[in-house]
C-alpha atoms as a PDB file:
ATOM      1  CA  UNK A   1     -59.408   3.267  23.941  1.00  0.00           C
ATOM      2  CA  UNK A   2     -60.493   1.085  21.162  1.00  0.00           C
ATOM      3  CA  UNK A   3     -59.122  -2.413  21.238  1.00  0.00           C
ATOM      4  CA  UNK A   4     -56.660  -3.255  18.546  1.00  0.00           C
ATOM      5  CA  UNK A   5     -57.709  -5.825  16.037  1.00  0.00           C
ATOM      6  CA  UNK A   6     -55.311  -8.768  15.991  1.00  0.00           C
ATOM      7  CA  UNK A   7     -55.175 -10.976  12.956  1.00  0.00           C
ATOM      8  CA  UNK A   8     -53.843 -14.481  13.053  1.00  0.00           C
ATOM      9  CA  UNK A   9     -52.305 -16.134  10.040  1.00  0.00           C
ATOM     10  CA  UNK A  10     -53.532 -19.644   9.541  1.00  0.00           C
ATOM     11  CA  UNK A  11     -50.851 -22.317   9.303  1.00  0.00           C
ATOM     12  CA  UNK A  12     -50.748 -23.797   5.834  1.00  0.00           C
ATOM     13  CA  UNK A  13     -50.037 -27.554   5.891  1.00  0.00           C
ATOM     14  CA  UNK A  14     -47.088 -28.608   3.711  1.00  0.00           C
ATOM     15  CA  UNK A  15     -47.878 -30.163   0.388  1.00  0.00           C
ATOM     16  CA  UNK A  16     -47.900 -33.937   0.240  1.00  0.00           C
ATOM     17  CA  UNK A  17     -44.989 -34.027  -2.182  1.00  0.00           C
ATOM     18  CA  UNK A  18     -42.856 -31.420  -0.364  1.00  0.00           C
ATOM     19  CA  UNK A  19     -39.759 -32.860   1.382  1.00  0.00           C
ATOM     20  CA  UNK A  20     -39.766 -32.743   5.170  1.00  0.00           C
ATOM     21  CA  UNK A  21     -36.983 -30.764   6.865  1.00  0.00           C
ATOM     22  CA  UNK A  22     -34.152 -32.951   8.096  1.00  0.00           C
ATOM     23  CA  UNK A  23     -33.238 -33.165  11.734  1.00  0.00           C
ATOM     24  CA  UNK A  24     -29.597 -32.603  12.779  1.00  0.00           C
ATOM     25  CA  UNK A  25     -29.251 -36.342  13.370  1.00  0.00           C
ATOM     26  CA  UNK A  26     -30.530 -37.146   9.883  1.00  0.00           C
ATOM     27  CA  UNK A  27     -28.238 -34.527   8.369  1.00  0.00           C
ATOM     28  CA  UNK A  28     -25.243 -36.079  10.143  1.00  0.00           C
ATOM     29  CA  UNK A  29     -26.181 -39.547   8.889  1.00  0.00           C
ATOM     30  CA  UNK A  30     -26.567 -38.236   5.331  1.00  0.00           C
ATOM     31  CA  UNK A  31     -23.165 -36.555   5.528  1.00  0.00           C
ATOM     32  CA  UNK A  32     -21.566 -39.754   6.804  1.00  0.00           C
ATOM     33  CA  UNK A  33     -22.977 -41.738   3.865  1.00  0.00           C
ATOM     34  CA  UNK A  34     -22.248 -39.095   1.215  1.00  0.00           C
ATOM     35  CA  UNK A  35     -21.197 -40.411  -2.191  1.00  0.00           C
ATOM     36  CA  UNK A  36     -18.736 -38.768  -4.553  1.00  0.00           C
ATOM     37  CA  UNK A  37     -19.050 -38.487  -8.354  1.00  0.00           C
ATOM     38  CA  UNK A  38     -16.767 -41.529  -8.570  1.00  0.00           C
ATOM     39  CA  UNK A  39     -19.388 -43.578  -6.679  1.00  0.00           C
ATOM     40  CA  UNK A  40     -17.068 -44.125  -3.700  1.00  0.00           C
ATOM     41  CA  UNK A  41     -17.899 -43.028  -0.154  1.00  0.00           C
ATOM     42  CA  UNK A  42     -16.526 -39.614   0.726  1.00  0.00           C
ATOM     43  CA  UNK A  43     -13.634 -39.650   3.214  1.00  0.00           C
ATOM     44  CA  UNK A  44     -13.062 -36.379   5.070  1.00  0.00           C
ATOM     45  CA  UNK A  45      -9.619 -35.368   6.380  1.00  0.00           C
ATOM     46  CA  UNK A  46      -9.258 -32.720   9.085  1.00  0.00           C
ATOM     47  CA  UNK A  47      -5.827 -31.019   8.927  1.00  0.00           C
ATOM     48  CA  UNK A  48      -4.683 -29.727  12.321  1.00  0.00           C
ATOM     49  CA  UNK A  49      -1.637 -27.434  12.123  1.00  0.00           C
ATOM     50  CA  UNK A  50       0.034 -24.328  13.473  1.00  0.00           C
ATOM     51  CA  UNK A  51      -0.214 -21.263  11.246  1.00  0.00           C
ATOM     52  CA  UNK A  52       3.600 -21.145  11.266  1.00  0.00           C
ATOM     53  CA  UNK A  53       3.445 -24.326   9.140  1.00  0.00           C
ATOM     54  CA  UNK A  54       0.987 -22.952   6.582  1.00  0.00           C
ATOM     55  CA  UNK A  55       3.475 -23.627   3.758  1.00  0.00           C
ATOM     56  CA  UNK A  56       3.771 -27.288   4.807  1.00  0.00           C
ATOM     57  CA  UNK A  57      -0.023 -27.589   4.857  1.00  0.00           C
ATOM     58  CA  UNK A  58      -0.265 -26.163   1.331  1.00  0.00           C
ATOM     59  CA  UNK A  59       2.447 -28.571   0.147  1.00  0.00           C
ATOM     60  CA  UNK A  60       0.542 -31.500   1.611  1.00  0.00           C
ATOM     61  CA  UNK A  61      -2.640 -30.327  -0.120  1.00  0.00           C
ATOM     62  CA  UNK A  62      -0.812 -30.356  -3.452  1.00  0.00           C
ATOM     63  CA  UNK A  63       0.373 -33.935  -2.996  1.00  0.00           C
ATOM     64  CA  UNK A  64      -3.127 -35.049  -1.959  1.00  0.00           C
ATOM     65  CA  UNK A  65      -4.606 -33.920  -5.319  1.00  0.00           C
ATOM     66  CA  UNK A  66      -5.016 -37.509  -6.657  1.00  0.00           C
ATOM     67  CA  UNK A  67      -6.924 -38.491  -3.516  1.00  0.00           C
ATOM     68  CA  UNK A  68      -9.081 -35.357  -3.710  1.00  0.00           C
ATOM     69  CA  UNK A  69     -10.071 -36.230  -7.275  1.00  0.00           C
ATOM     70  CA  UNK A  70     -10.940 -39.713  -5.993  1.00  0.00           C
ATOM     71  CA  UNK A  71     -13.516 -38.378  -3.523  1.00  0.00           C
ATOM     72  CA  UNK A  72     -11.387 -37.348  -0.513  1.00  0.00           C
ATOM     73  CA  UNK A  73     -12.065 -33.903   0.977  1.00  0.00           C
ATOM     74  CA  UNK A  74      -9.728 -31.939   3.238  1.00  0.00           C
ATOM     75  CA  UNK A  75     -10.683 -29.325   5.819  1.00  0.00           C
ATOM     76  CA  UNK A  76      -8.656 -26.737   7.744  1.00  0.00           C
ATOM     77  CA  UNK A  77      -9.606 -23.526   9.495  1.00  0.00           C
ATOM     78  CA  UNK A  78      -8.802 -21.485   6.394  1.00  0.00           C
ATOM     79  CA  UNK A  79     -11.958 -22.871   4.766  1.00  0.00           C
ATOM     80  CA  UNK A  80     -14.151 -21.061   7.280  1.00  0.00           C
ATOM     81  CA  UNK A  81     -15.987 -17.924   6.150  1.00  0.00           C
ATOM     82  CA  UNK A  82     -15.393 -14.578   7.848  1.00  0.00           C
ATOM     83  CA  UNK A  83     -17.709 -14.199  10.822  1.00  0.00           C
ATOM     84  CA  UNK A  84     -18.017 -17.944  11.520  1.00  0.00           C
ATOM     85  CA  UNK A  85     -17.611 -18.995  15.148  1.00  0.00           C
ATOM     86  CA  UNK A  86     -14.228 -20.661  15.461  1.00  0.00           C
ATOM     87  CA  UNK A  87     -15.051 -23.154  18.191  1.00  0.00           C
ATOM     88  CA  UNK A  88     -18.395 -24.185  16.689  1.00  0.00           C
ATOM     89  CA  UNK A  89     -17.031 -24.508  13.148  1.00  0.00           C
ATOM     90  CA  UNK A  90     -13.933 -26.455  14.163  1.00  0.00           C
ATOM     91  CA  UNK A  91     -15.901 -28.750  16.483  1.00  0.00           C
ATOM     92  CA  UNK A  92     -18.425 -29.487  13.718  1.00  0.00           C
ATOM     93  CA  UNK A  93     -15.695 -30.291  11.181  1.00  0.00           C
ATOM     94  CA  UNK A  94     -13.919 -32.466  13.727  1.00  0.00           C
ATOM     95  CA  UNK A  95     -17.079 -34.499  14.376  1.00  0.00           C
ATOM     96  CA  UNK A  96     -17.659 -35.050  10.657  1.00  0.00           C
ATOM     97  CA  UNK A  97     -14.074 -36.047   9.805  1.00  0.00           C
ATOM     98  CA  UNK A  98     -12.880 -39.627   9.375  1.00  0.00           C
ATOM     99  CA  UNK A  99      -9.157 -38.841   9.668  1.00  0.00           C
ATOM    100  CA  UNK A 100      -7.241 -36.149  11.527  1.00  0.00           C
ATOM    101  CA  UNK A 101      -3.783 -35.268  10.200  1.00  0.00           C
ATOM    102  CA  UNK A 102      -1.653 -33.387  12.743  1.00  0.00           C
ATOM    103  CA  UNK A 103       1.356 -31.494  11.319  1.00  0.00           C
ATOM    104  CA  UNK A 104       3.830 -31.895  14.179  1.00  0.00           C
ATOM    105  CA  UNK A 105       6.341 -29.113  14.776  1.00  0.00           C
ATOM    106  CA  UNK A 106       7.729 -27.219  17.792  1.00  0.00           C
ATOM    107  CA  UNK A 107       4.976 -24.602  17.444  1.00  0.00           C
ATOM    108  CA  UNK A 108       2.284 -27.264  17.158  1.00  0.00           C
ATOM    109  CA  UNK A 109       3.417 -28.993  20.347  1.00  0.00           C
ATOM    110  CA  UNK A 110       3.644 -25.706  22.253  1.00  0.00           C
ATOM    111  CA  UNK A 111       0.256 -24.424  21.033  1.00  0.00           C
ATOM    112  CA  UNK A 112      -2.512 -24.928  23.566  1.00  0.00           C
ATOM    113  CA  UNK A 113      -5.211 -24.730  20.890  1.00  0.00           C
ATOM    114  CA  UNK A 114      -3.486 -27.266  18.638  1.00  0.00           C
ATOM    115  CA  UNK A 115      -3.151 -29.653  21.567  1.00  0.00           C
ATOM    116  CA  UNK A 116      -6.844 -29.200  22.317  1.00  0.00           C
ATOM    117  CA  UNK A 117      -7.730 -30.297  18.779  1.00  0.00           C
ATOM    118  CA  UNK A 118      -5.341 -33.233  19.008  1.00  0.00           C
ATOM    119  CA  UNK A 119      -6.736 -34.404  22.358  1.00  0.00           C
ATOM    120  CA  UNK A 120     -10.312 -34.191  21.055  1.00  0.00           C
ATOM    121  CA  UNK A 121      -9.321 -36.305  18.081  1.00  0.00           C
ATOM    122  CA  UNK A 122      -7.617 -38.869  20.325  1.00  0.00           C
ATOM    123  CA  UNK A 123     -10.792 -39.104  22.404  1.00  0.00           C
ATOM    124  CA  UNK A 124     -12.801 -39.875  19.272  1.00  0.00           C
ATOM    125  CA  UNK A 125     -10.140 -42.341  18.192  1.00  0.00           C
ATOM    126  CA  UNK A 126     -10.508 -44.204  21.513  1.00  0.00           C
ATOM    127  CA  UNK A 127     -14.231 -44.565  20.720  1.00  0.00           C
ATOM    128  CA  UNK A 128     -13.532 -45.919  17.223  1.00  0.00           C
ATOM    129  CA  UNK A 129     -14.908 -42.814  15.495  1.00  0.00           C
ATOM    130  CA  UNK A 130     -11.740 -41.420  13.903  1.00  0.00           C
ATOM    131  CA  UNK A 131      -8.193 -42.197  12.763  1.00  0.00           C
ATOM    132  CA  UNK A 132      -5.345 -39.924  13.891  1.00  0.00           C
ATOM    133  CA  UNK A 133      -2.086 -39.590  11.937  1.00  0.00           C
ATOM    134  CA  UNK A 134       0.879 -37.429  12.918  1.00  0.00           C
ATOM    135  CA  UNK A 135       3.093 -35.935  10.190  1.00  0.00           C
ATOM    136  CA  UNK A 136       6.472 -34.624  11.354  1.00  0.00           C
ATOM    137  CA  UNK A 137       6.972 -31.519   9.200  1.00  0.00           C
ATOM    138  CA  UNK A 138       9.903 -30.170  11.246  1.00  0.00           C
ATOM    139  CA  UNK A 139      12.218 -31.619  13.929  1.00  0.00           C
ATOM    140  CA  UNK A 140      10.475 -31.474  17.325  1.00  0.00           C
ATOM    141  CA  UNK A 141      10.116 -33.376  20.567  1.00  0.00           C
ATOM    142  CA  UNK A 142       7.273 -35.643  19.436  1.00  0.00           C
ATOM    143  CA  UNK A 143       8.928 -38.633  21.136  1.00  0.00           C
ATOM    144  CA  UNK A 144       8.048 -37.078  24.509  1.00  0.00           C
ATOM    145  CA  UNK A 145       4.350 -36.789  23.585  1.00  0.00           C
ATOM    146  CA  UNK A 146       1.498 -39.261  23.210  1.00  0.00           C
ATOM    147  CA  UNK A 147       2.269 -39.416  19.476  1.00  0.00           C
ATOM    148  CA  UNK A 148       5.307 -41.568  20.287  1.00  0.00           C
ATOM    149  CA  UNK A 149       3.096 -44.631  20.690  1.00  0.00           C
ATOM    150  CA  UNK A 150       1.744 -44.507  17.114  1.00  0.00           C
ATOM    151  CA  UNK A 151       3.099 -44.897  13.607  1.00  0.00           C
ATOM    152  CA  UNK A 152       3.938 -41.506  12.135  1.00  0.00           C
ATOM    153  CA  UNK A 153       4.542 -40.149   8.657  1.00  0.00           C
ATOM    154  CA  UNK A 154       6.813 -39.718   6.768  1.00  0.00           C
ATOM    155  CA  UNK A 155       8.236 -43.229   7.158  1.00  0.00           C
ATOM    156  CA  UNK A 156       9.721 -43.972  10.590  1.00  0.00           C
ATOM    157  CA  UNK A 157       8.817 -40.474  11.804  1.00  0.00           C
ATOM    158  CA  UNK A 158      11.666 -38.793   9.924  1.00  0.00           C
ATOM    159  CA  UNK A 159      10.936 -35.089   9.643  1.00  0.00           C
ATOM    160  CA  UNK A 160      10.477 -33.539   6.212  1.00  0.00           C
ATOM    161  CA  UNK A 161      13.885 -31.717   6.213  1.00  0.00           C
ATOM    162  CA  UNK A 162      15.663 -35.056   6.774  1.00  0.00           C
ATOM    163  CA  UNK A 163      14.552 -36.299   3.347  1.00  0.00           C
ATOM    164  CA  UNK A 164      16.466 -35.591   0.162  1.00  0.00           C
ATOM    165  CA  UNK A 165      13.648 -33.213  -0.825  1.00  0.00           C
ATOM    166  CA  UNK A 166      10.363 -31.946   0.570  1.00  0.00           C
ATOM    167  CA  UNK A 167       8.504 -33.465  -2.388  1.00  0.00           C
ATOM    168  CA  UNK A 168       9.902 -36.923  -1.595  1.00  0.00           C
ATOM    169  CA  UNK A 169       8.781 -36.566   2.007  1.00  0.00           C
ATOM    170  CA  UNK A 170       5.252 -35.366   1.185  1.00  0.00           C
ATOM    171  CA  UNK A 171       4.908 -38.048  -1.496  1.00  0.00           C
ATOM    172  CA  UNK A 172       5.547 -40.646   1.212  1.00  0.00           C
ATOM    173  CA  UNK A 173       2.923 -38.929   3.383  1.00  0.00           C
ATOM    174  CA  UNK A 174       0.351 -38.921   0.562  1.00  0.00           C
ATOM    175  CA  UNK A 175       0.952 -42.615  -0.138  1.00  0.00           C
ATOM    176  CA  UNK A 176       0.502 -43.476   3.539  1.00  0.00           C
ATOM    177  CA  UNK A 177      -2.741 -41.486   3.722  1.00  0.00           C
ATOM    178  CA  UNK A 178      -3.977 -43.134   0.514  1.00  0.00           C
ATOM    179  CA  UNK A 179      -3.538 -46.541   2.126  1.00  0.00           C
ATOM    180  CA  UNK A 180      -5.471 -45.366   5.185  1.00  0.00           C
ATOM    181  CA  UNK A 181      -8.284 -43.983   2.988  1.00  0.00           C
ATOM    182  CA  UNK A 182      -8.697 -47.403   1.365  1.00  0.00           C
ATOM    183  CA  UNK A 183      -8.905 -49.002   4.813  1.00  0.00           C
ATOM    184  CA  UNK A 184     -11.583 -46.532   5.938  1.00  0.00           C
ATOM    185  CA  UNK A 185     -13.639 -47.133   2.793  1.00  0.00           C
ATOM    186  CA  UNK A 186     -13.405 -50.890   3.287  1.00  0.00           C
ATOM    187  CA  UNK A 187     -14.793 -50.464   6.808  1.00  0.00           C
ATOM    188  CA  UNK A 188     -17.583 -48.229   5.497  1.00  0.00           C
ATOM    189  CA  UNK A 189     -18.476 -50.863   2.890  1.00  0.00           C
ATOM    190  CA  UNK A 190     -18.794 -53.481   5.635  1.00  0.00           C
ATOM    191  CA  UNK A 191     -21.230 -51.214   7.447  1.00  0.00           C
ATOM    192  CA  UNK A 192     -19.035 -50.716  10.487  1.00  0.00           C
ATOM    193  CA  UNK A 193     -20.729 -48.073  12.608  1.00  0.00           C
ATOM    194  CA  UNK A 194     -20.102 -46.556  16.004  1.00  0.00           C
ATOM    195  CA  UNK A 195     -21.925 -48.043  18.989  1.00  0.00           C
ATOM    196  CA  UNK A 196     -25.323 -46.460  19.586  1.00  0.00           C
ATOM    197  CA  UNK A 197     -25.631 -44.527  22.826  1.00  0.00           C
ATOM    198  CA  UNK A 198     -28.690 -45.202  24.997  1.00  0.00           C
ATOM    199  CA  UNK A 199     -31.415 -42.591  24.723  1.00  0.00           C
ATOM    200  CA  UNK A 200     -31.331 -39.957  27.446  1.00  0.00           C
ATOM    201  CA  UNK A 201     -34.127 -40.240  30.000  1.00  0.00           C
ATOM    202  CA  UNK A 202     -36.131 -37.127  30.731  1.00  0.00           C
ATOM    203  CA  UNK A 203     -35.693 -35.800  34.301  1.00  0.00           C
ATOM    204  CA  UNK A 204     -38.377 -37.036  36.666  1.00  0.00           C
ATOM    205  CA  UNK A 205     -39.294 -40.039  34.516  1.00  0.00           C
ATOM    206  CA  UNK A 206     -39.446 -43.326  36.372  1.00  0.00           C
ATOM    207  CA  UNK A 207     -37.343 -46.192  35.023  1.00  0.00           C
ATOM    208  CA  UNK A 208     -39.277 -48.964  33.374  1.00  0.00           C
ATOM    209  CA  UNK A 209     -39.721 -51.988  35.655  1.00  0.00           C
ATOM    210  CA  UNK A 210     -37.485 -54.944  34.969  1.00  0.00           C
ATOM    211  CA  UNK A 211     -39.278 -58.043  33.665  1.00  0.00           C
ATOM    212  CA  UNK A 212     -39.760 -60.624  36.368  1.00  0.00           C
ATOM    213  CA  UNK A 213     -38.166 -64.002  35.910  1.00  0.00           C
ATOM    214  CA  UNK A 214     -40.664 -66.861  35.421  1.00  0.00           C
ATOM    215  CA  UNK A 215     -41.368 -68.578  38.742  1.00  0.00           C
ATOM    216  CA  UNK A 216     -41.236 -72.346  38.965  1.00  0.00           C
ATOM    217  CA  UNK A 217     -44.431 -74.285  39.693  1.00  0.00           C
ATOM    218  CA  UNK A 218     -44.839 -75.159  43.407  1.00  0.00           C
ATOM    219  CA  UNK A 219     -43.736 -78.669  44.258  1.00  0.00           C
ATOM    220  CA  UNK A 220     -46.423 -81.144  45.414  1.00  0.00           C
ATOM    221  CA  UNK A 221     -46.235 -81.891  49.123  1.00  0.00           C
ATOM    222  CA  UNK A 222     -45.541 -85.453  50.170  1.00  0.00           C
ATOM    223  CA  UNK A 223     -48.369 -87.182  52.135  1.00  0.00           C
ATOM    224  CA  UNK A 224     -48.007 -86.803  55.894  1.00  0.00           C
ATOM    225  CA  UNK A 225     -46.700 -89.852  57.699  1.00  0.00           C
ATOM    226  CA  UNK A 226     -49.008 -91.492  60.267  1.00  0.00           C
ATOM    227  CA  UNK A 227     -47.309 -92.026  63.574  1.00  0.00           C
ATOM    228  CA  UNK A 228     -47.280 -95.708  64.542  1.00  0.00           C
ATOM    229  CA  UNK A 229     -45.530 -97.973  66.976  1.00  0.00           C
ATOM    230  CA  UNK A 230     -41.815 -98.164  66.503  1.00  0.00           C
ATOM    231  CA  UNK A 231     -40.439-101.594  65.770  1.00  0.00           C
ATOM    232  CA  UNK A 232     -38.756-103.134  68.818  1.00  0.00           C
ATOM    233  CA  UNK A 233     -39.737-104.816  71.982  1.00  0.00           C
ATOM    234  CA  UNK A 234     -43.490-105.130  72.763  1.00  0.00           C
ATOM    235  CA  UNK A 235     -44.781-102.791  75.425  1.00  0.00           C
ATOM    236  CA  UNK A 236     -45.354-104.306  78.831  1.00  0.00           C
ATOM    237  CA  UNK A 237     -48.931-104.561  80.156  1.00  0.00           C
ATOM    238  CA  UNK A 238     -49.749-102.351  83.176  1.00  0.00           C
ATOM    239  CA  UNK A 239     -49.210-104.055  86.509  1.00  0.00           C
ATOM    240  CA  UNK A 240     -46.818-106.587  85.157  1.00  0.00           C
ATOM    241  CA  UNK A 241     -43.080-106.318  84.599  1.00  0.00           C
ATOM    242  CA  UNK A 242     -41.468-107.585  81.529  1.00  0.00           C
ATOM    243  CA  UNK A 243     -39.986-111.010  81.869  1.00  0.00           C
ATOM    244  CA  UNK A 244     -36.228-111.108  82.070  1.00  0.00           C
ATOM    245  CA  UNK A 245     -33.985-114.116  82.357  1.00  0.00           C
ATOM    246  CA  UNK A 246     -32.787-114.667  85.928  1.00  0.00           C
ATOM    247  CA  UNK A 247     -29.155-115.159  86.703  1.00  0.00           C
ATOM    248  CA  UNK A 248     -28.201-118.694  87.630  1.00  0.00           C
ATOM    249  CA  UNK A 249     -27.496-119.253  91.266  1.00  0.00           C
ATOM    250  CA  UNK A 250     -25.118-121.825  92.627  1.00  0.00           C
ATOM    251  CA  UNK A 251     -26.815-124.736  94.361  1.00  0.00           C
ATOM    252  CA  UNK A 252     -25.667-127.641  96.413  1.00  0.00           C
ATOM    253  CA  UNK A 253     -23.348-130.039  94.711  1.00  0.00           C
ATOM    254  CA  UNK A 254     -22.268-127.273  92.340  1.00  0.00           C
ATOM    255  CA  UNK A 255     -25.346-127.731  90.134  1.00  0.00           C
ATOM    256  CA  UNK A 256     -27.355-124.984  88.445  1.00  0.00           C
ATOM    257  CA  UNK A 257     -31.031-124.375  89.079  1.00  0.00           C
ATOM    258  CA  UNK A 258     -33.369-124.075  86.090  1.00  0.00           C
ATOM    259  CA  UNK A 259     -34.358-120.592  84.938  1.00  0.00           C
ATOM    260  CA  UNK A 260     -37.638-119.288  86.382  1.00  0.00           C
ATOM    261  CA  UNK A 261     -39.818-116.279  85.673  1.00  0.00           C
ATOM    262  CA  UNK A 262     -40.118-113.654  88.392  1.00  0.00           C
ATOM    263  CA  UNK A 263     -43.451-111.930  88.977  1.00  0.00           C
END
């Protein structure tokens, strides 16, 4: 059989003026520093809610209109296109958000998926990457949850039905979120960023050796001492005993004899 001719297409180098494709890390950094038409940094709000409270979410969106015109964007799962992967899309939006707003209700607390979103947001909050705000849209047992340790909206955690009107309650929520948006933008203006994680080491790579501490110069040794005679009594010559004073002996008449040397 005749061999088939295979043609290879030569790779054309990109033009010098063509922009290089961005890496996912660069795309995330560009999204974090996005500017709005007003010139202010964009602040993204992730709305976590139960579908039973869809009307409350829409009401909140209406009251956030002034903030949206000022460069604030809101995201909820209804903004996803048909066919998008739920977990991937929600996780991506959660990573890019500055604030998570949880619409607390009995259904929200009992929903496993809603609690998963809330716990992920609280993990990011512990790392300083996100703010989490609970909004009590209906009476529920939020005091028995982790939300009890944080300031909630509307004021004092009063649920929306406890206010004289729903508009009054959501106006209080919008004002509280507006104050938080200003705080986030002030932090962004100061250049506050999340701590950088150390780069992952490839498996099998040896760790770089630690730099050795500078060693001190060796100390100079003191000159050796020459052994010499110890100060004290002179040594006796061989064959002769050292002279020692003799004890006086009693003589006749009670007199003492003069001291004499003994050989």
